Each structure stands twice: as C-alpha cells, then as structure tokens.
C-alpha atoms as a PDB file:
ATOM      1  CA  MET A   1       0.024  -0.004   0.005  1.00  0.00           C
ATOM      2  CA  LYS A   2       1.410   3.395  -1.069  1.00  0.00           C
ATOM      3  CA  CYS A   3       1.071   6.830   0.585  1.00  0.00           C
ATOM      4  CA  SER A   4      -1.621   8.978  -0.947  1.00  0.00           C
ATOM      5  CA  ARG A   5       0.686  11.990  -0.814  1.00  0.00           C
ATOM      6  CA  CYS A   6       4.072  10.772  -2.038  1.00  0.00           C
ATOM      7  CA  ARG A   7       3.713   7.105  -3.053  1.00  0.00           C
ATOM      8  CA  LYS A   8       6.161   5.926  -0.442  1.00  0.00           C
ATOM      9  CA  GLU A   9       5.277   2.855   1.593  1.00  0.00           C
ATOM     10  CA  ALA A  10       2.253   3.696   3.836  1.00  0.00           C
ATOM     11  CA  ILE A  11       2.553   2.788   7.474  1.00  0.00           C
ATOM     12  CA  ILE A  12      -1.160   3.526   8.466  1.00  0.00           C
ATOM     13  CA  ASN A  13      -4.538   3.701   6.772  1.00  0.00           C
ATOM     14  CA  VAL A  14      -7.198   5.168   9.006  1.00  0.00           C
ATOM     15  CA  LEU A  15      -8.786   7.854   6.738  1.00  0.00           C
ATOM     16  CA  MET A  16      -6.193   7.495   3.959  1.00  0.00           C
ATOM     17  CA  PRO A  17      -2.906   5.609   3.480  1.00  0.00           C
ATOM     18  CA  LEU A  18       0.029   7.677   4.666  1.00  0.00           C
ATOM     19  CA  CYS A  19       3.776   7.229   5.054  1.00  0.00           C
ATOM     20  CA  ARG A  20       5.559   8.078   8.311  1.00  0.00           C
ATOM     21  CA  ASN A  21       6.342  11.689   7.522  1.00  0.00           C
ATOM     22  CA  HIS A  22       3.058  12.564   5.966  1.00  0.00           C
ATOM     23  CA  PHE A  23       1.125  10.874   8.827  1.00  0.00           C
ATOM     24  CA  ILE A  24       2.912  12.835  11.492  1.00  0.00           C
ATOM     25  CA  GLU A  25       2.454  16.033   9.479  1.00  0.00           C
ATOM     26  CA  ASN A  26      -1.208  15.252   8.877  1.00  0.00           C
ATOM     27  CA  PHE A  27      -1.856  14.378  12.578  1.00  0.00           C
ATOM     28  CA  GLU A  28      -0.222  17.590  13.996  1.00  0.00           C
ATOM     29  CA  LYS A  29      -2.097  19.759  11.433  1.00  0.00           C
ATOM     30  CA  LYS A  30      -5.366  18.171  12.548  1.00  0.00           C
ATOM     31  CA  VAL A  31      -4.651  18.961  16.209  1.00  0.00           C
ATOM     32  CA  LYS A  32      -3.619  22.500  15.304  1.00  0.00           C
ATOM     33  CA  ARG A  33      -6.847  23.049  13.276  1.00  0.00           C
ATOM     34  CA  THR A  34      -8.907  21.815  16.263  1.00  0.00           C
ATOM     35  CA  ILE A  35      -7.112  24.243  18.657  1.00  0.00           C
ATOM     36  CA  LYS A  36      -7.585  27.171  16.165  1.00  0.00           C
ATOM     37  CA  LYS A  37     -11.136  26.437  15.150  1.00  0.00           C
ATOM     38  CA  TYR A  38     -12.562  26.061  18.605  1.00  0.00           C
ATOM     39  CA  GLY A  39     -10.309  28.656  20.249  1.00  0.00           C
ATOM     40  CA  LEU A  40      -8.982  26.144  22.703  1.00  0.00           C
ATOM     41  CA  ILE A  41      -5.697  27.931  23.708  1.00  0.00           C
ATOM     42  CA  ASP A  42      -4.608  31.556  23.848  1.00  0.00           C
ATOM     43  CA  LYS A  43      -0.981  32.593  23.765  1.00  0.00           C
ATOM     44  CA  ASN A  44      -0.976  33.673  27.499  1.00  0.00           C
ATOM     45  CA  ASP A  45      -2.628  30.456  28.752  1.00  0.00           C
ATOM     46  CA  LYS A  46      -1.132  28.562  31.656  1.00  0.00           C
ATOM     47  CA  ILE A  47      -1.714  24.943  30.511  1.00  0.00           C
ATOM     48  CA  ALA A  48      -2.142  21.877  32.816  1.00  0.00           C
ATOM     49  CA  VAL A  49      -2.316  18.535  31.061  1.00  0.00           C
ATOM     50  CA  ALA A  50      -4.178  15.697  32.760  1.00  0.00           C
ATOM     51  CA  ALA A  51      -1.600  12.979  32.299  1.00  0.00           C
ATOM     52  CA  SER A  52      -1.737   9.244  33.104  1.00  0.00           C
ATOM     53  CA  GLY A  53       1.316   7.921  31.299  1.00  0.00           C
ATOM     54  CA  GLY A  54      -0.844   6.372  28.580  1.00  0.00           C
ATOM     55  CA  LYS A  55      -0.627   7.076  24.816  1.00  0.00           C
ATOM     56  CA  ASP A  56      -3.418   9.689  24.656  1.00  0.00           C
ATOM     57  CA  SER A  57      -2.381  11.990  27.439  1.00  0.00           C
ATOM     58  CA  THR A  58       1.369  11.588  26.667  1.00  0.00           C
ATOM     59  CA  THR A  59       0.651  12.638  23.112  1.00  0.00           C
ATOM     60  CA  ALA A  60      -1.372  15.615  24.248  1.00  0.00           C
ATOM     61  CA  LEU A  61       1.375  16.640  26.679  1.00  0.00           C
ATOM     62  CA  TYR A  62       4.025  16.296  24.026  1.00  0.00           C
ATOM     63  CA  LEU A  63       2.105  18.462  21.551  1.00  0.00           C
ATOM     64  CA  MET A  64       1.317  21.223  24.104  1.00  0.00           C
ATOM     65  CA  ARG A  65       5.017  21.499  24.861  1.00  0.00           C
ATOM     66  CA  LYS A  66       5.864  21.418  21.133  1.00  0.00           C
ATOM     67  CA  PHE A  67       3.195  23.943  19.972  1.00  0.00           C
ATOM     68  CA  PHE A  68       3.359  26.358  22.882  1.00  0.00           C
ATOM     69  CA  PRO A  69       7.044  26.301  24.026  1.00  0.00           C
ATOM     70  CA  ARG A  70       6.719  29.741  25.676  1.00  0.00           C
ATOM     71  CA  SER A  71       3.650  28.971  27.655  1.00  0.00           C
ATOM     72  CA  LYS A  72       3.564  27.437  31.110  1.00  0.00           C
ATOM     73  CA  VAL A  73       2.861  23.783  30.605  1.00  0.00           C
ATOM     74  CA  GLU A  74       2.757  21.306  33.463  1.00  0.00           C
ATOM     75  CA  ALA A  75       1.422  17.801  33.888  1.00  0.00           C
ATOM     76  CA  ILE A  76      -1.052  16.707  36.534  1.00  0.00           C
ATOM     77  CA  ALA A  77      -1.297  12.958  37.339  1.00  0.00           C
ATOM     78  CA  ILE A  78      -3.714  11.252  39.645  1.00  0.00           C
ATOM     79  CA  ASP A  79      -2.541   8.085  41.425  1.00  0.00           C
ATOM     80  CA  GLU A  80      -5.608   6.028  42.286  1.00  0.00           C
ATOM     81  CA  GLY A  81      -3.486   3.231  43.908  1.00  0.00           C
ATOM     82  CA  ILE A  82      -4.487   0.543  41.421  1.00  0.00           C
ATOM     83  CA  PRO A  83      -1.941  -2.259  42.070  1.00  0.00           C
ATOM     84  CA  GLY A  84      -0.039  -3.683  39.186  1.00  0.00           C
ATOM     85  CA  TYR A  85      -1.148  -0.862  36.865  1.00  0.00           C
ATOM     86  CA  ARG A  86      -0.826   2.730  37.947  1.00  0.00           C
ATOM     87  CA  GLU A  87       2.676   2.487  39.421  1.00  0.00           C
ATOM     88  CA  HIS A  88       3.923   1.298  35.966  1.00  0.00           C
ATOM     89  CA  THR A  89       2.228   4.132  33.989  1.00  0.00           C
ATOM     90  CA  LEU A  90       3.426   6.745  36.476  1.00  0.00           C
ATOM     91  CA  SER A  91       6.949   5.419  36.100  1.00  0.00           C
ATOM     92  CA  ASP A  92       6.688   5.921  32.294  1.00  0.00           C
ATOM     93  CA  LEU A  93       5.308   9.456  32.883  1.00  0.00           C
ATOM     94  CA  ARG A  94       8.100  10.421  35.214  1.00  0.00           C
ATOM     95  CA  LYS A  95      10.694   9.375  32.535  1.00  0.00           C
ATOM     96  CA  PHE A  96       8.824  11.214  29.792  1.00  0.00           C
ATOM     97  CA  CYS A  97       8.585  14.469  31.897  1.00  0.00           C
ATOM     98  CA  ARG A  98      12.210  14.331  32.864  1.00  0.00           C
ATOM     99  CA  LYS A  99      13.186  13.956  29.157  1.00  0.00           C
ATOM    100  CA  GLN A 100      10.897  16.782  28.044  1.00  0.00           C
ATOM    101  CA  LYS A 101      11.675  19.033  31.047  1.00  0.00           C
ATOM    102  CA  ILE A 102       8.039  19.233  32.076  1.00  0.00           C
ATOM    103  CA  LYS A 103       7.035  19.722  35.682  1.00  0.00           C
ATOM    104  CA  LEU A 104       4.942  16.763  36.962  1.00  0.00           C
ATOM    105  CA  ASN A 105       2.546  17.102  39.809  1.00  0.00           C
ATOM    106  CA  ILE A 106       1.243  13.786  41.258  1.00  0.00           C
ATOM    107  CA  TYR A 107      -1.721  13.606  43.674  1.00  0.00           C
ATOM    108  CA  SER A 108      -2.922  10.342  45.213  1.00  0.00           C
ATOM    109  CA  TYR A 109      -6.308   9.115  46.398  1.00  0.00           C
ATOM    110  CA  GLU A 110      -4.497   7.848  49.526  1.00  0.00           C
ATOM    111  CA  LYS A 111      -3.303  11.257  50.564  1.00  0.00           C
ATOM    112  CA  GLU A 112      -6.256  13.300  49.345  1.00  0.00           C
ATOM    113  CA  PHE A 113      -9.108  11.061  50.394  1.00  0.00           C
ATOM    114  CA  GLY A 114      -7.406   8.825  53.094  1.00  0.00           C
ATOM    115  CA  ASN A 115      -7.890   5.637  50.932  1.00  0.00           C
ATOM    116  CA  SER A 116      -6.908   4.075  47.695  1.00  0.00           C
ATOM    117  CA  LEU A 117      -9.406   3.329  45.012  1.00  0.00           C
ATOM    118  CA  GLU A 118      -9.657  -0.317  46.109  1.00  0.00           C
ATOM    119  CA  GLY A 119     -10.472   0.823  49.660  1.00  0.00           C
ATOM    120  CA  LEU A 120     -12.978   3.379  48.444  1.00  0.00           C
ATOM    121  CA  ILE A 121     -14.692   0.711  46.333  1.00  0.00           C
ATOM    122  CA  ARG A 122     -15.075  -1.498  49.374  1.00  0.00           C
ATOM    123  CA  LYS A 123     -16.662   1.351  51.296  1.00  0.00           C
ATOM    124  CA  ASN A 124     -19.013   2.306  48.518  1.00  0.00           C
ATOM    125  CA  SER A 125     -21.547   0.236  46.605  1.00  0.00           C
ATOM    126  CA  GLY A 126     -21.517   0.979  42.856  1.00  0.00           C
ATOM    127  CA  ASN A 127     -19.437   0.714  39.684  1.00  0.00           C
ATOM    128  CA  PRO A 128     -15.676   1.153  40.294  1.00  0.00           C
ATOM    129  CA  CYS A 129     -15.353   3.286  37.102  1.00  0.00           C
ATOM    130  CA  ARG A 130     -18.064   5.642  38.320  1.00  0.00           C
ATOM    131  CA  ILE A 131     -16.407   6.081  41.713  1.00  0.00           C
ATOM    132  CA  CYS A 132     -13.042   6.631  40.119  1.00  0.00           C
ATOM    133  CA  GLY A 133     -14.308   8.972  37.491  1.00  0.00           C
ATOM    134  CA  VAL A 134     -16.007  11.241  40.108  1.00  0.00           C
ATOM    135  CA  LEU A 135     -12.888  11.374  42.147  1.00  0.00           C
ATOM    136  CA  ARG A 136     -10.521  11.948  39.276  1.00  0.00           C
ATOM    137  CA  ARG A 137     -12.592  14.828  37.949  1.00  0.00           C
ATOM    138  CA  TYR A 138     -12.801  16.313  41.427  1.00  0.00           C
ATOM    139  CA  LEU A 139      -9.050  16.193  42.017  1.00  0.00           C
ATOM    140  CA  LEU A 140      -8.159  17.450  38.521  1.00  0.00           C
ATOM    141  CA  ASN A 141     -10.490  20.425  38.958  1.00  0.00           C
ATOM    142  CA  ARG A 142      -9.070  21.300  42.377  1.00  0.00           C
ATOM    143  CA  LYS A 143      -5.463  20.731  41.532  1.00  0.00           C
ATOM    144  CA  SER A 144      -5.579  22.677  38.225  1.00  0.00           C
ATOM    145  CA  LYS A 145      -6.571  25.906  39.883  1.00  0.00           C
ATOM    146  CA  GLY A 146      -3.993  28.511  39.013  1.00  0.00           C
ATOM    147  CA  PHE A 147      -3.937  27.337  35.441  1.00  0.00           C
ATOM    148  CA  THR A 148      -6.215  28.778  32.742  1.00  0.00           C
ATOM    149  CA  LYS A 149      -6.765  25.586  30.738  1.00  0.00           C
ATOM    150  CA  LEU A 150      -6.862  21.841  31.580  1.00  0.00           C
ATOM    151  CA  VAL A 151      -5.951  19.645  28.654  1.00  0.00           C
ATOM    152  CA  THR A 152      -7.253  16.040  28.491  1.00  0.00           C
ATOM    153  CA  GLY A 153      -6.261  13.351  25.989  1.00  0.00           C
ATOM    154  CA  HIS A 154      -9.710  12.332  24.944  1.00  0.00           C
ATOM    155  CA  ASN A 155      -9.739  11.217  21.316  1.00  0.00           C
ATOM    156  CA  LEU A 156     -12.533  10.652  18.701  1.00  0.00           C
ATOM    157  CA  ASP A 157     -13.200   7.172  19.838  1.00  0.00           C
ATOM    158  CA  ASP A 158     -13.651   8.255  23.470  1.00  0.00           C
ATOM    159  CA  GLU A 159     -15.971  11.085  22.492  1.00  0.00           C
ATOM    160  CA  SER A 160     -18.123   9.024  20.101  1.00  0.00           C
ATOM    161  CA  GLN A 161     -18.556   6.480  22.969  1.00  0.00           C
ATOM    162  CA  SER A 162     -19.565   9.278  25.351  1.00  0.00           C
ATOM    163  CA  VAL A 163     -22.191  10.540  22.925  1.00  0.00           C
ATOM    164  CA  ILE A 164     -23.753   7.071  22.458  1.00  0.00           C
ATOM    165  CA  MET A 165     -23.502   6.269  26.198  1.00  0.00           C
ATOM    166  CA  ASN A 166     -25.518   9.436  27.059  1.00  0.00           C
ATOM    167  CA  ILE A 167     -28.067   8.784  24.366  1.00  0.00           C
ATOM    168  CA  PHE A 168     -28.579   5.201  25.554  1.00  0.00           C
ATOM    169  CA  LYS A 169     -28.957   6.316  29.199  1.00  0.00           C
ATOM    170  CA  SER A 170     -31.023   9.426  28.280  1.00  0.00           C
ATOM    171  CA  HIS A 171     -28.504  11.820  29.850  1.00  0.00           C
ATOM    172  CA  ILE A 172     -29.259  14.721  27.570  1.00  0.00           C
ATOM    173  CA  LYS A 173     -28.167  17.345  30.102  1.00  0.00           C
ATOM    174  CA  LEU A 174     -24.802  15.619  30.312  1.00  0.00           C
ATOM    175  CA  MET A 175     -24.400  15.762  26.512  1.00  0.00           C
ATOM    176  CA  GLU A 176     -24.488  19.522  26.708  1.00  0.00           C
ATOM    177  CA  ARG A 177     -21.042  19.501  28.380  1.00  0.00           C
ATOM    178  CA  LEU A 178     -19.406  17.417  25.663  1.00  0.00           C
ATOM    179  CA  GLY A 179     -17.294  18.746  22.776  1.00  0.00           C
ATOM    180  CA  PRO A 180     -13.781  20.067  22.130  1.00  0.00           C
ATOM    181  CA  LYS A 181     -14.264  22.582  24.932  1.00  0.00           C
ATOM    182  CA  THR A 182     -16.350  21.136  27.790  1.00  0.00           C
ATOM    183  CA  GLY A 183     -18.871  22.833  30.049  1.00  0.00           C
ATOM    184  CA  VAL A 184     -21.952  25.089  29.605  1.00  0.00           C
ATOM    185  CA  ILE A 185     -21.211  27.780  32.215  1.00  0.00           C
ATOM    186  CA  LYS A 186     -18.294  29.866  33.269  1.00  0.00           C
ATOM    187  CA  ASP A 187     -17.399  29.927  36.984  1.00  0.00           C
ATOM    188  CA  GLU A 188     -14.156  30.837  38.777  1.00  0.00           C
ATOM    189  CA  ARG A 189     -14.158  27.392  40.447  1.00  0.00           C
ATOM    190  CA  PHE A 190     -14.134  25.630  37.051  1.00  0.00           C
ATOM    191  CA  VAL A 191     -10.962  25.443  34.970  1.00  0.00           C
ATOM    192  CA  PRO A 192     -12.007  25.122  31.317  1.00  0.00           C
ATOM    193  CA  LYS A 193     -11.277  21.606  29.970  1.00  0.00           C
ATOM    194  CA  ILE A 194     -10.181  21.239  26.408  1.00  0.00           C
ATOM    195  CA  LYS A 195      -9.626  18.290  24.068  1.00  0.00           C
ATOM    196  CA  PRO A 196      -7.004  18.956  21.305  1.00  0.00           C
ATOM    197  CA  LEU A 197      -7.177  15.327  20.156  1.00  0.00           C
ATOM    198  CA  TYR A 198     -10.907  15.542  19.689  1.00  0.00           C
ATOM    199  CA  PHE A 199     -10.844  14.585  15.986  1.00  0.00           C
ATOM    200  CA  CYS A 200      -8.123  12.059  16.175  1.00  0.00           C
ATOM    201  CA  HIS A 201      -8.891   8.351  15.947  1.00  0.00           C
ATOM    202  CA  GLN A 202      -7.485   6.144  18.680  1.00  0.00           C
ATOM    203  CA  LYS A 203      -5.411   4.279  16.044  1.00  0.00           C
ATOM    204  CA  GLU A 204      -3.923   7.560  14.888  1.00  0.00           C
ATOM    205  CA  VAL A 205      -2.883   8.463  18.472  1.00  0.00           C
ATOM    206  CA  ALA A 206      -1.424   5.041  19.071  1.00  0.00           C
ATOM    207  CA  ALA A 207       0.590   5.257  15.783  1.00  0.00           C
ATOM    208  CA  TYR A 208       1.797   8.787  16.599  1.00  0.00           C
ATOM    209  CA  ALA A 209       2.975   7.634  20.041  1.00  0.00           C
ATOM    210  CA  LEU A 210       4.788   4.618  18.505  1.00  0.00           C
ATOM    211  CA  LEU A 211       6.428   6.650  15.705  1.00  0.00           C
ATOM    212  CA  ASN A 212       7.773   9.212  18.251  1.00  0.00           C
ATOM    213  CA  LYS A 213       8.965   6.388  20.502  1.00  0.00           C
ATOM    214  CA  PHE A 214       7.055   7.488  23.574  1.00  0.00           C
ATOM    215  CA  SER A 215       7.806   5.168  26.440  1.00  0.00           C
ATOM    216  CA  VAL A 216       4.207   4.173  27.123  1.00  0.00           C
ATOM    217  CA  ARG A 217       2.476   0.909  27.876  1.00  0.00           C
ATOM    218  CA  PHE A 218      -0.594   0.035  25.946  1.00  0.00           C
ATOM    219  CA  ALA A 219      -2.281  -1.434  28.971  1.00  0.00           C
ATOM    220  CA  GLU A 220      -5.821  -0.965  30.085  1.00  0.00           C
ATOM    221  CA  CYS A 221      -7.046  -0.363  33.610  1.00  0.00           C
ATOM    222  CA  PRO A 222      -8.109  -3.766  35.191  1.00  0.00           C
ATOM    223  CA  HIS A 223     -11.566  -2.296  36.000  1.00  0.00           C
ATOM    224  CA  ALA A 224     -12.215  -1.061  32.433  1.00  0.00           C
ATOM    225  CA  GLU A 225     -13.243  -4.408  30.888  1.00  0.00           C
ATOM    226  CA  ASP A 226     -16.360  -4.630  33.031  1.00  0.00           C
ATOM    227  CA  SER A 227     -17.462  -1.088  32.452  1.00  0.00           C
ATOM    228  CA  TYR A 228     -20.428   0.150  30.469  1.00  0.00           C
ATOM    229  CA  ARG A 229     -18.029   2.149  28.306  1.00  0.00           C
ATOM    230  CA  SER A 230     -16.221  -0.977  27.240  1.00  0.00           C
ATOM    231  CA  LYS A 231     -19.462  -2.445  25.933  1.00  0.00           C
ATOM    232  CA  ILE A 232     -20.208   0.666  23.892  1.00  0.00           C
ATOM    233  CA  ARG A 233     -16.605   0.630  22.706  1.00  0.00           C
ATOM    234  CA  ASP A 234     -16.888  -2.881  21.310  1.00  0.00           C
ATOM    235  CA  LEU A 235     -20.281  -2.055  19.783  1.00  0.00           C
ATOM    236  CA  LEU A 236     -18.816   0.979  17.899  1.00  0.00           C
ATOM    237  CA  ASN A 237     -15.609  -0.886  16.934  1.00  0.00           C
ATOM    238  CA  GLY A 238     -17.916  -3.527  15.288  1.00  0.00           C
ATOM    239  CA  PHE A 239     -19.832  -0.911  13.363  1.00  0.00           C
ATOM    240  CA  GLU A 240     -16.693   0.901  12.332  1.00  0.00           C
ATOM    241  CA  LEU A 241     -15.280  -2.312  10.989  1.00  0.00           C
ATOM    242  CA  GLU A 242     -18.318  -3.003   8.907  1.00  0.00           C
ATOM    243  CA  TYR A 243     -19.273   0.636   8.139  1.00  0.00           C
ATOM    244  CA  ARG A 244     -16.172   2.755   7.946  1.00  0.00           C
ATOM    245  CA  GLY A 245     -16.633   6.302   9.154  1.00  0.00           C
ATOM    246  CA  THR A 246     -19.227   5.552  11.789  1.00  0.00           C
ATOM    247  CA  LYS A 247     -17.359   7.273  14.588  1.00  0.00           C
ATOM    248  CA  ASN A 248     -16.685  10.359  12.516  1.00  0.00           C
ATOM    249  CA  SER A 249     -20.421  10.485  11.624  1.00  0.00           C
ATOM    250  CA  ILE A 250     -21.394  10.330  15.340  1.00  0.00           C
ATOM    251  CA  ILE A 251     -19.186  13.244  16.169  1.00  0.00           C
ATOM    252  CA  SER A 252     -20.181  15.266  13.129  1.00  0.00           C
ATOM    253  CA  SER A 253     -23.919  14.850  13.917  1.00  0.00           C
ATOM    254  CA  PHE A 254     -23.375  15.549  17.614  1.00  0.00           C
ATOM    255  CA  LEU A 255     -21.546  18.853  16.889  1.00  0.00           C
ATOM    256  CA  LYS A 256     -24.381  19.971  14.583  1.00  0.00           C
ATOM    257  CA  ILE A 257     -27.060  19.458  17.206  1.00  0.00           C
ATOM    258  CA  LYS A 258     -24.972  20.455  20.214  1.00  0.00           C
ATOM    259  CA  GLU A 259     -26.339  24.030  20.477  1.00  0.00           C
ATOM    260  CA  ARG A 260     -29.923  22.735  20.168  1.00  0.00           C
ATOM    261  CA  LEU A 261     -29.428  20.447  23.173  1.00  0.00           C
ATOM    262  CA  LYS A 262     -29.204  23.432  25.495  1.00  0.00           C
ATOM    263  CA  SER A 263     -32.536  23.936  27.240  1.00  0.00           C
ATOM    264  CA  GLN A 264     -32.855  26.048  30.354  1.00  0.00           C
ATOM    265  CA  PRO A 265     -29.796  28.237  30.921  1.00  0.00           C
ATOM    266  CA  PHE A 266     -27.941  27.860  34.252  1.00  0.00           C
ATOM    267  CA  ASP A 267     -28.588  30.894  36.244  1.00  0.00           C
ATOM    268  CA  LYS A 268     -27.208  29.805  39.575  1.00  0.00           C
ATOM    269  CA  VAL A 269     -24.168  27.721  40.546  1.00  0.00           C
ATOM    270  CA  GLU A 270     -24.496  25.579  43.690  1.00  0.00           C
ATOM    271  CA  TYR A 271     -21.477  24.730  45.924  1.00  0.00           C
ATOM    272  CA  CYS A 272     -20.828  21.713  48.087  1.00  0.00           C
ATOM    273  CA  VAL A 273     -21.347  22.493  51.828  1.00  0.00           C
ATOM    274  CA  LYS A 274     -18.409  20.269  52.798  1.00  0.00           C
ATOM    275  CA  CYS A 275     -15.621  21.190  50.348  1.00  0.00           C
ATOM    276  CA  GLY A 276     -16.791  24.289  48.532  1.00  0.00           C
ATOM    277  CA  GLU A 277     -16.542  22.796  45.027  1.00  0.00           C
ATOM    278  CA  VAL A 278     -19.317  23.080  42.510  1.00  0.00           C
ATOM    279  CA  ALA A 279     -22.176  20.614  43.238  1.00  0.00           C
ATOM    280  CA  GLU A 280     -25.583  19.803  41.808  1.00  0.00           C
ATOM    281  CA  GLN A 281     -26.950  19.279  45.255  1.00  0.00           C
ATOM    282  CA  GLY A 282     -25.895  20.278  48.788  1.00  0.00           C
ATOM    283  CA  VAL A 283     -23.074  17.747  48.948  1.00  0.00           C
ATOM    284  CA  CYS A 284     -20.958  16.929  45.852  1.00  0.00           C
ATOM    285  CA  ALA A 285     -20.551  13.367  44.679  1.00  0.00           C
ATOM    286  CA  ALA A 286     -16.842  13.245  45.586  1.00  0.00           C
ATOM    287  CA  CYS A 287     -17.599  14.111  49.224  1.00  0.00           C
ATOM    288  CA  LEU A 288     -20.353  11.464  49.391  1.00  0.00           C
ATOM    289  CA  ILE A 289     -17.898   8.805  48.241  1.00  0.00           C
ATOM    290  CA  LYS A 290     -14.968   9.736  50.347  1.00  0.00           C
ATOM    291  CA  ASN A 291     -17.149  10.011  53.524  1.00  0.00           C
ATOM    292  CA  ALA A 292     -19.020   6.813  53.018  1.00  0.00           C
ATOM    293  CA  HIS A 293     -18.849   4.258  55.863  1.00  0.00           C
END
C-alpha cells in the first residue's frame, strides 16, 4: 500500500494511507486546526495537562510542549493506587517528563481521600469506574486551579462512545457538556477543560505515540473491561469495522445538534457545603464517596 501523498510505503490507513512523515504532518495539522477552530488555547494561557502515562495523554502533553514552548505547561497525574497498573504508567510518565523538562505534579487518592481506589470501592456500593471517574474529575479540577486551561487526552473514539452512552442512558443534560471545549457555564471554580485530540482516531494516536517512540504501555485499567463504556466501545468498533466512518459521523452529527441540546440556561451555581466545590446538590458526589462508611 502506497502513501496517498508521495507514493512511499504507507504505515497507516485510517482515513487514507500515509507514510511516516506525511502521517505525522497530517496528525499535527489536525490537532492545530482543532485548537484554532474552537479557540482552545490563547498565547497567554497557563496549561495543565491531565496525564496518566498512557498514549493519549502523553501525546497531548508532548504536543502542548511542542506547539506552545513559551507557555507554562505542566502535567497533573492522579494516582488512584491501582496495584499492578498505575505504578507502571506513572513510572513511564516520570521518565517522559524528565526527558521533556516538564514539571510533573502527582496527587494520590490515599493522601487526598485517606484511601486508595480499592479501599473506596469496598466502602461504597456501585461501579468502580463511576467512583473513580467522580474522584478523578474532582481532583483534577481542584489541583488545576492557578492554570487557565486543563488539557485532556480524549480522542474521537472516546468522544463517540460518550455521545452514544449518554443517548442510551437518556442523559441529555450531560451531553451539553461534551465537545472540544467542555462545560456550559463559566465559573471561577471551574478550570476550562479542552480536548485537542478530539478529531483524532485512537489508532492515529497510538501510531503517533509509537512513531515518536514515547515510552508508554498500551495497557488498560483492570477495572475497564467490566465497564459500560467497554461495551459501547466494542459495539462501535464492530460498526466501524463494517461501516467505515461511523465514529466520524457520530461526532459530526453531535456537533451539529450540540447547540440545540441546551434547554434552560444555568442561572445559579451551587457549591458543596463540605468542600466548597461546585455541586448539583448540597453535597458533591466526591464528598459522598470519600465520607461513606
């Protein structure tokens, strides 16, 4: 198979066959277009990247440093205390940040909540991924204060899954928050979250990480396989295999109707009575989890 640009040997064929050089060039241009089109980053931004040591967040971290060398770029990692998994990805992340001269800030569930994820799962009934997701978002929002943007490594596969999950569960209000720039309201206690890899397929991100020789492990969290998201992932992968372009179509359709999803505007922001963070009710979900008996 030949590259569609130069006729050299192609190394990847997601949307079109491309050689190494043209793939990297095309990938980086796509990320730059996303940043520019959606106004994700300004030249004076202080950028925090939510980093796990995996391919997606490492790629996002690398590109933020490459595209914005004069900006303040730091990494924020959350250590959930998942044995046999997180210590390895954090080791990879430390090596990467040392090589790229990026400041790495690590915050653990153990220190912040008094328990690891495994301990919190035992104390709380419910899905481990839901518990972890609530606490990760909580910590990332708290620890990114002082920065003007929080970058996450969500890619097109992740986002198409989120759209379908929310449709299947009838979570229309949650869908309002999706997109390259998340959220529906501005509040000083929220750090805007942005997704520069929004239009990049997972396979493209993996290829970019491999071609740039990032030291990452392509491992999945041991809890992920039993999650609702994994079922949606497998479903969409099956459709993509048979009907190429399915994931692109989901995202394209979602962005066209996104503005129409907004119903009643938010006129008041509520805060948690225990920690002071934004909450939908009197006590935020993170405080309910960490204070469970």
